[in-house]
Structure formats: structure tokens, C-alpha cells
PDB file of all heavy atoms in Angstrom:
ATOM      1  N   MET A   1      87.511 186.962 180.944  1.00  0.00           N
ATOM      2  CA  MET A   1      86.619 186.136 181.728  1.00  0.00           C
ATOM      3  C   MET A   1      85.282 186.159 181.187  1.00  0.00           C
ATOM      4  O   MET A   1      84.806 187.322 181.161  1.00  0.00           O
ATOM      5  CB  MET A   1      86.742 186.504 183.139  1.00  0.00           C
ATOM      6  CG  MET A   1      88.103 186.435 183.808  1.00  0.00           C
ATOM      7  SD  MET A   1      88.681 184.661 183.879  1.00  0.00           S
ATOM      8  CE  MET A   1      87.665 183.968 185.063  1.00  0.00           C
ATOM      9  N   LEU A   2      84.524 185.073 180.927  1.00  0.00           N
ATOM     10  CA  LEU A   2      83.299 184.981 180.484  1.00  0.00           C
ATOM     11  C   LEU A   2      82.442 184.239 181.467  1.00  0.00           C
ATOM     12  O   LEU A   2      82.910 183.253 182.046  1.00  0.00           O
ATOM     13  CB  LEU A   2      83.112 184.307 179.150  1.00  0.00           C
ATOM     14  CG  LEU A   2      83.526 185.111 177.925  1.00  0.00           C
ATOM     15  CD1 LEU A   2      85.094 185.374 177.831  1.00  0.00           C
ATOM     16  CD2 LEU A   2      83.105 184.351 176.562  1.00  0.00           C
ATOM     17  N   GLN A   3      81.236 184.718 181.816  1.00  0.00           N
ATOM     18  CA  GLN A   3      80.313 184.004 182.743  1.00  0.00           C
ATOM     19  C   GLN A   3      79.338 183.070 182.051  1.00  0.00           C
ATOM     20  O   GLN A   3      79.312 183.080 180.731  1.00  0.00           O
ATOM     21  CB  GLN A   3      79.524 185.194 183.456  1.00  0.00           C
ATOM     22  CG  GLN A   3      80.367 186.131 184.186  1.00  0.00           C
ATOM     23  CD  GLN A   3      81.341 185.510 185.201  1.00  0.00           C
ATOM     24  OE1 GLN A   3      81.008 184.634 185.971  1.00  0.00           O
ATOM     25  NE2 GLN A   3      82.605 185.828 185.110  1.00  0.00           N
ATOM     26  N   ILE A   4      78.758 182.187 182.854  1.00  0.00           N
ATOM     27  CA  ILE A   4      77.767 181.257 182.252  1.00  0.00           C
ATOM     28  C   ILE A   4      76.692 182.084 181.518  1.00  0.00           C
ATOM     29  O   ILE A   4      76.217 183.072 181.906  1.00  0.00           O
ATOM     30  CB  ILE A   4      77.119 180.470 183.469  1.00  0.00           C
ATOM     31  CG1 ILE A   4      78.171 179.691 184.175  1.00  0.00           C
ATOM     32  CG2 ILE A   4      76.051 179.475 182.782  1.00  0.00           C
ATOM     33  CD1 ILE A   4      79.059 178.793 183.511  1.00  0.00           C
ATOM     34  N   GLY A   5      76.439 181.557 180.246  1.00  0.00           N
ATOM     35  CA  GLY A   5      75.479 182.210 179.390  1.00  0.00           C
ATOM     36  C   GLY A   5      75.958 183.268 178.480  1.00  0.00           C
ATOM     37  O   GLY A   5      75.396 183.616 177.556  1.00  0.00           O
ATOM     38  N   ASP A   6      77.157 183.696 178.655  1.00  0.00           N
ATOM     39  CA  ASP A   6      77.833 184.734 177.828  1.00  0.00           C
ATOM     40  C   ASP A   6      78.060 183.977 176.515  1.00  0.00           C
ATOM     41  O   ASP A   6      78.390 182.832 176.297  1.00  0.00           O
ATOM     42  CB  ASP A   6      79.175 185.208 178.299  1.00  0.00           C
ATOM     43  CG  ASP A   6      79.102 186.226 179.448  1.00  0.00           C
ATOM     44  OD1 ASP A   6      77.916 186.698 179.722  1.00  0.00           O
ATOM     45  OD2 ASP A   6      80.118 186.540 180.105  1.00  0.00           O
ATOM     46  N   ALA A   7      78.132 184.835 175.431  1.00  0.00           N
ATOM     47  CA  ALA A   7      78.457 184.426 174.132  1.00  0.00           C
ATOM     48  C   ALA A   7      79.898 184.420 174.027  1.00  0.00           C
ATOM     49  O   ALA A   7      80.601 185.578 174.177  1.00  0.00           O
ATOM     50  CB  ALA A   7      77.831 185.134 172.906  1.00  0.00           C
ATOM     51  N   ALA A   8      80.607 183.387 173.639  1.00  0.00           N
ATOM     52  CA  ALA A   8      82.100 183.320 173.448  1.00  0.00           C
ATOM     53  C   ALA A   8      82.362 183.554 171.955  1.00  0.00           C
ATOM     54  O   ALA A   8      83.502 184.139 171.728  1.00  0.00           O
ATOM     55  CB  ALA A   8      82.629 181.978 173.914  1.00  0.00           C
ATOM     56  N   VAL A   9      81.575 183.146 171.185  1.00  0.00           N
ATOM     57  CA  VAL A   9      81.773 183.268 169.655  1.00  0.00           C
ATOM     58  C   VAL A   9      80.508 183.531 169.037  1.00  0.00           C
ATOM     59  O   VAL A   9      79.406 183.059 169.452  1.00  0.00           O
ATOM     60  CB  VAL A   9      82.449 182.097 169.044  1.00  0.00           C
ATOM     61  CG1 VAL A   9      81.671 180.843 169.175  1.00  0.00           C
ATOM     62  CG2 VAL A   9      82.901 182.319 167.648  1.00  0.00           C
ATOM     63  N   TRP A  10      80.425 184.457 168.020  1.00  0.00           N
ATOM     64  CA  TRP A  10      79.181 184.815 167.323  1.00  0.00           C
ATOM     65  C   TRP A  10      79.600 184.914 165.921  1.00  0.00           C
ATOM     66  O   TRP A  10      80.611 185.448 165.428  1.00  0.00           O
ATOM     67  CB  TRP A  10      78.852 186.291 167.785  1.00  0.00           C
ATOM     68  CG  TRP A  10      77.582 186.807 167.134  1.00  0.00           C
ATOM     69  CD1 TRP A  10      76.346 186.619 167.379  1.00  0.00           C
ATOM     70  CD2 TRP A  10      77.626 187.601 165.910  1.00  0.00           C
ATOM     71  NE1 TRP A  10      75.468 187.346 166.605  1.00  0.00           N
ATOM     72  CE2 TRP A  10      76.313 187.967 165.561  1.00  0.00           C
ATOM     73  CE3 TRP A  10      78.599 188.135 165.118  1.00  0.00           C
ATOM     74  CZ2 TRP A  10      75.995 188.728 164.529  1.00  0.00           C
ATOM     75  CZ3 TRP A  10      78.357 188.980 164.105  1.00  0.00           C
ATOM     76  CH2 TRP A  10      77.039 189.250 163.856  1.00  0.00           C
ATOM     77  N   ILE A  11      78.713 184.341 165.073  1.00  0.00           N
ATOM     78  CA  ILE A  11      78.828 184.181 163.604  1.00  0.00           C
ATOM     79  C   ILE A  11      77.529 184.583 162.917  1.00  0.00           C
ATOM     80  O   ILE A  11      76.495 184.122 163.371  1.00  0.00           O
ATOM     81  CB  ILE A  11      79.209 182.827 163.091  1.00  0.00           C
ATOM     82  CG1 ILE A  11      80.653 182.464 163.707  1.00  0.00           C
ATOM     83  CG2 ILE A  11      79.271 182.689 161.683  1.00  0.00           C
ATOM     84  CD1 ILE A  11      80.991 180.977 163.549  1.00  0.00           C
ATOM     85  N   LYS A  12      77.615 185.413 161.915  1.00  0.00           N
ATOM     86  CA  LYS A  12      76.410 185.672 161.089  1.00  0.00           C
ATOM     87  C   LYS A  12      76.797 185.541 159.653  1.00  0.00           C
ATOM     88  O   LYS A  12      77.777 186.057 159.159  1.00  0.00           O
ATOM     89  CB  LYS A  12      75.934 187.127 161.330  1.00  0.00           C
ATOM     90  CG  LYS A  12      74.673 187.574 160.698  1.00  0.00           C
ATOM     91  CD  LYS A  12      74.177 188.806 161.168  1.00  0.00           C
ATOM     92  CE  LYS A  12      72.818 189.239 160.596  1.00  0.00           C
ATOM     93  NZ  LYS A  12      72.318 190.538 161.166  1.00  0.00           N
ATOM     94  N   VAL A  13      75.967 184.854 158.936  1.00  0.00           N
ATOM     95  CA  VAL A  13      76.110 184.574 157.486  1.00  0.00           C
ATOM     96  C   VAL A  13      74.851 184.964 156.764  1.00  0.00           C
ATOM     97  O   VAL A  13      73.818 184.581 157.088  1.00  0.00           O
ATOM     98  CB  VAL A  13      76.565 183.246 157.127  1.00  0.00           C
ATOM     99  CG1 VAL A  13      76.678 182.969 155.596  1.00  0.00           C
ATOM    100  CG2 VAL A  13      77.823 182.797 157.854  1.00  0.00           C
ATOM    101  N   LEU A  14      75.044 185.714 155.624  1.00  0.00           N
ATOM    102  CA  LEU A  14      73.926 186.149 154.741  1.00  0.00           C
ATOM    103  C   LEU A  14      74.072 185.402 153.420  1.00  0.00           C
ATOM    104  O   LEU A  14      75.278 185.394 152.881  1.00  0.00           O
ATOM    105  CB  LEU A  14      73.878 187.578 154.523  1.00  0.00           C
ATOM    106  CG  LEU A  14      73.212 188.378 155.548  1.00  0.00           C
ATOM    107  CD1 LEU A  14      74.090 188.477 156.742  1.00  0.00           C
ATOM    108  CD2 LEU A  14      72.946 189.792 155.107  1.00  0.00           C
ATOM    109  N   SER A  15      73.053 184.763 152.874  1.00  0.00           N
ATOM    110  CA  SER A  15      73.122 184.135 151.518  1.00  0.00           C
ATOM    111  C   SER A  15      71.796 184.270 150.942  1.00  0.00           C
ATOM    112  O   SER A  15      70.752 184.611 151.593  1.00  0.00           O
ATOM    113  CB  SER A  15      73.519 182.619 151.747  1.00  0.00           C
ATOM    114  OG  SER A  15      73.508 182.016 150.504  1.00  0.00           O
ATOM    115  N   ALA A  16      71.667 184.003 149.606  1.00  0.00           N
ATOM    116  CA  ALA A  16      70.477 183.978 148.939  1.00  0.00           C
ATOM    117  C   ALA A  16      69.597 182.730 149.329  1.00  0.00           C
ATOM    118  O   ALA A  16      68.366 182.832 149.408  1.00  0.00           O
ATOM    119  CB  ALA A  16      70.694 183.866 147.429  1.00  0.00           C
ATOM    120  N   HIS A  17      70.270 181.699 149.739  1.00  0.00           N
ATOM    121  CA  HIS A  17      69.635 180.405 150.053  1.00  0.00           C
ATOM    122  C   HIS A  17      70.146 179.852 151.400  1.00  0.00           C
ATOM    123  O   HIS A  17      71.362 180.018 151.682  1.00  0.00           O
ATOM    124  CB  HIS A  17      69.836 179.426 148.960  1.00  0.00           C
ATOM    125  CG  HIS A  17      69.377 179.817 147.633  1.00  0.00           C
ATOM    126  ND1 HIS A  17      68.045 179.998 147.210  1.00  0.00           N
ATOM    127  CD2 HIS A  17      70.000 180.317 146.502  1.00  0.00           C
ATOM    128  CE1 HIS A  17      67.909 180.431 146.135  1.00  0.00           C
ATOM    129  NE2 HIS A  17      69.087 180.636 145.644  1.00  0.00           N
ATOM    130  N   ARG A  18      69.312 179.178 152.079  1.00  0.00           N
ATOM    131  CA  ARG A  18      69.608 178.709 153.503  1.00  0.00           C
ATOM    132  C   ARG A  18      70.764 177.638 153.557  1.00  0.00           C
ATOM    133  O   ARG A  18      71.514 177.718 154.431  1.00  0.00           O
ATOM    134  CB  ARG A  18      68.262 178.125 154.134  1.00  0.00           C
ATOM    135  CG  ARG A  18      67.810 176.923 153.524  1.00  0.00           C
ATOM    136  CD  ARG A  18      66.480 176.454 154.232  1.00  0.00           C
ATOM    137  NE  ARG A  18      66.012 175.309 153.624  1.00  0.00           N
ATOM    138  CZ  ARG A  18      65.032 175.337 152.621  1.00  0.00           C
ATOM    139  NH1 ARG A  18      64.690 176.458 152.184  1.00  0.00           N
ATOM    140  NH2 ARG A  18      64.667 174.171 152.166  1.00  0.00           N
ATOM    141  N   ASP A  19      70.760 176.791 152.621  1.00  0.00           N
ATOM    142  CA  ASP A  19      71.877 175.735 152.648  1.00  0.00           C
ATOM    143  C   ASP A  19      73.207 176.413 152.593  1.00  0.00           C
ATOM    144  O   ASP A  19      74.053 175.928 153.424  1.00  0.00           O
ATOM    145  CB  ASP A  19      71.601 174.635 151.650  1.00  0.00           C
ATOM    146  CG  ASP A  19      72.640 173.453 151.849  1.00  0.00           C
ATOM    147  OD1 ASP A  19      72.487 172.890 153.039  1.00  0.00           O
ATOM    148  OD2 ASP A  19      73.282 173.114 150.936  1.00  0.00           O
ATOM    149  N   GLU A  20      73.484 177.295 151.770  1.00  0.00           N
ATOM    150  CA  GLU A  20      74.822 177.934 151.643  1.00  0.00           C
ATOM    151  C   GLU A  20      75.067 178.588 153.043  1.00  0.00           C
ATOM    152  O   GLU A  20      76.205 178.611 153.493  1.00  0.00           O
ATOM    153  CB  GLU A  20      74.826 178.940 150.591  1.00  0.00           C
ATOM    154  CG  GLU A  20      74.782 178.264 149.151  1.00  0.00           C
ATOM    155  CD  GLU A  20      76.157 177.520 148.874  1.00  0.00           C
ATOM    156  OE1 GLU A  20      77.214 178.092 149.129  1.00  0.00           O
ATOM    157  OE2 GLU A  20      76.029 176.475 148.374  1.00  0.00           O
ATOM    158  N   ALA A  21      74.097 179.343 153.586  1.00  0.00           N
ATOM    159  CA  ALA A  21      74.251 180.106 154.866  1.00  0.00           C
ATOM    160  C   ALA A  21      74.657 179.079 155.985  1.00  0.00           C
ATOM    161  O   ALA A  21      75.496 179.294 156.751  1.00  0.00           O
ATOM    162  CB  ALA A  21      73.070 180.871 155.132  1.00  0.00           C
ATOM    163  N   TYR A  22      73.919 177.981 156.068  1.00  0.00           N
ATOM    164  CA  TYR A  22      74.220 176.866 157.075  1.00  0.00           C
ATOM    165  C   TYR A  22      75.531 176.377 156.890  1.00  0.00           C
ATOM    166  O   TYR A  22      76.389 176.270 157.886  1.00  0.00           O
ATOM    167  CB  TYR A  22      73.123 175.844 157.062  1.00  0.00           C
ATOM    168  CG  TYR A  22      71.828 176.064 157.687  1.00  0.00           C
ATOM    169  CD1 TYR A  22      70.691 176.021 156.954  1.00  0.00           C
ATOM    170  CD2 TYR A  22      71.717 176.436 159.050  1.00  0.00           C
ATOM    171  CE1 TYR A  22      69.465 176.284 157.454  1.00  0.00           C
ATOM    172  CE2 TYR A  22      70.556 176.621 159.589  1.00  0.00           C
ATOM    173  CZ  TYR A  22      69.371 176.627 158.904  1.00  0.00           C
ATOM    174  OH  TYR A  22      68.192 176.807 159.490  1.00  0.00           O
ATOM    175  N   GLN A  23      75.932 175.909 155.695  1.00  0.00           N
ATOM    176  CA  GLN A  23      77.188 175.286 155.398  1.00  0.00           C
ATOM    177  C   GLN A  23      78.367 176.309 155.721  1.00  0.00           C
ATOM    178  O   GLN A  23      79.286 175.879 156.323  1.00  0.00           O
ATOM    179  CB  GLN A  23      77.154 174.789 153.970  1.00  0.00           C
ATOM    180  CG  GLN A  23      76.216 173.728 153.766  1.00  0.00           C
ATOM    181  CD  GLN A  23      76.389 172.435 154.655  1.00  0.00           C
ATOM    182  OE1 GLN A  23      77.535 172.135 154.922  1.00  0.00           O
ATOM    183  NE2 GLN A  23      75.290 171.901 155.030  1.00  0.00           N
ATOM    184  N   ALA A  24      78.162 177.521 155.265  1.00  0.00           N
ATOM    185  CA  ALA A  24      79.211 178.522 155.463  1.00  0.00           C
ATOM    186  C   ALA A  24      79.397 178.783 156.985  1.00  0.00           C
ATOM    187  O   ALA A  24      80.550 178.825 157.492  1.00  0.00           O
ATOM    188  CB  ALA A  24      78.939 179.839 154.838  1.00  0.00           C
ATOM    189  N   SER A  25      78.268 178.805 157.697  1.00  0.00           N
ATOM    190  CA  SER A  25      78.364 179.118 159.196  1.00  0.00           C
ATOM    191  C   SER A  25      79.122 177.917 159.904  1.00  0.00           C
ATOM    192  O   SER A  25      80.070 178.146 160.753  1.00  0.00           O
ATOM    193  CB  SER A  25      77.028 179.261 159.778  1.00  0.00           C
ATOM    194  OG  SER A  25      77.033 179.274 161.172  1.00  0.00           O
ATOM    195  N   LYS A  26      78.858 176.668 159.492  1.00  0.00           N
ATOM    196  CA  LYS A  26      79.483 175.484 160.120  1.00  0.00           C
ATOM    197  C   LYS A  26      81.003 175.493 159.662  1.00  0.00           C
ATOM    198  O   LYS A  26      81.767 175.205 160.540  1.00  0.00           O
ATOM    199  CB  LYS A  26      78.852 174.203 159.566  1.00  0.00           C
ATOM    200  CG  LYS A  26      79.526 172.981 160.163  1.00  0.00           C
ATOM    201  CD  LYS A  26      78.730 171.684 159.639  1.00  0.00           C
ATOM    202  CE  LYS A  26      79.194 170.388 160.269  1.00  0.00           C
ATOM    203  NZ  LYS A  26      80.626 170.311 160.650  1.00  0.00           N
ATOM    204  N   TYR A  27      81.280 175.906 158.474  1.00  0.00           N
ATOM    205  CA  TYR A  27      82.667 175.886 158.012  1.00  0.00           C
ATOM    206  C   TYR A  27      83.486 176.916 158.827  1.00  0.00           C
ATOM    207  O   TYR A  27      84.581 176.643 159.332  1.00  0.00           O
ATOM    208  CB  TYR A  27      82.697 176.334 156.548  1.00  0.00           C
ATOM    209  CG  TYR A  27      84.170 176.408 156.038  1.00  0.00           C
ATOM    210  CD1 TYR A  27      84.865 175.323 155.629  1.00  0.00           C
ATOM    211  CD2 TYR A  27      84.868 177.724 155.895  1.00  0.00           C
ATOM    212  CE1 TYR A  27      86.262 175.357 155.201  1.00  0.00           C
ATOM    213  CE2 TYR A  27      86.024 177.774 155.438  1.00  0.00           C
ATOM    214  CZ  TYR A  27      86.815 176.671 155.119  1.00  0.00           C
ATOM    215  OH  TYR A  27      87.999 176.714 154.624  1.00  0.00           O
ATOM    216  N   ILE A  28      82.871 178.112 159.064  1.00  0.00           N
ATOM    217  CA  ILE A  28      83.593 179.104 159.814  1.00  0.00           C
ATOM    218  C   ILE A  28      83.795 178.648 161.285  1.00  0.00           C
ATOM    219  O   ILE A  28      84.956 178.699 161.783  1.00  0.00           O
ATOM    220  CB  ILE A  28      82.705 180.470 159.755  1.00  0.00           C
ATOM    221  CG1 ILE A  28      82.647 181.026 158.444  1.00  0.00           C
ATOM    222  CG2 ILE A  28      83.268 181.460 160.932  1.00  0.00           C
ATOM    223  CD1 ILE A  28      81.654 182.172 158.328  1.00  0.00           C
ATOM    224  N   ILE A  29      82.831 178.117 161.943  1.00  0.00           N
ATOM    225  CA  ILE A  29      83.139 177.645 163.395  1.00  0.00           C
ATOM    226  C   ILE A  29      84.123 176.528 163.474  1.00  0.00           C
ATOM    227  O   ILE A  29      84.904 176.532 164.271  1.00  0.00           O
ATOM    228  CB  ILE A  29      81.798 177.402 164.181  1.00  0.00           C
ATOM    229  CG1 ILE A  29      82.089 177.272 165.666  1.00  0.00           C
ATOM    230  CG2 ILE A  29      81.142 176.163 163.645  1.00  0.00           C
ATOM    231  CD1 ILE A  29      82.677 178.491 166.375  1.00  0.00           C
TER     232      ILE A  29
END
């Protein structure tokens, strides 16, 4: 059971460059 405002899913991606990190995060979710 999760309440309003709780995080249901959390993703963290590290990359040398921002575009790869953004694209990888989107791919994962």
C-alpha cells in the first residue's frame, strides 16, 4: 500500500553525458 506522494518507482542512471543518461532512464521506465 502506497500513500499519495510516495515514490512507487525510482531510477538512477549515471553516464558521461546527459543525453545517454536521459535516454537510458526513459528506456528503463
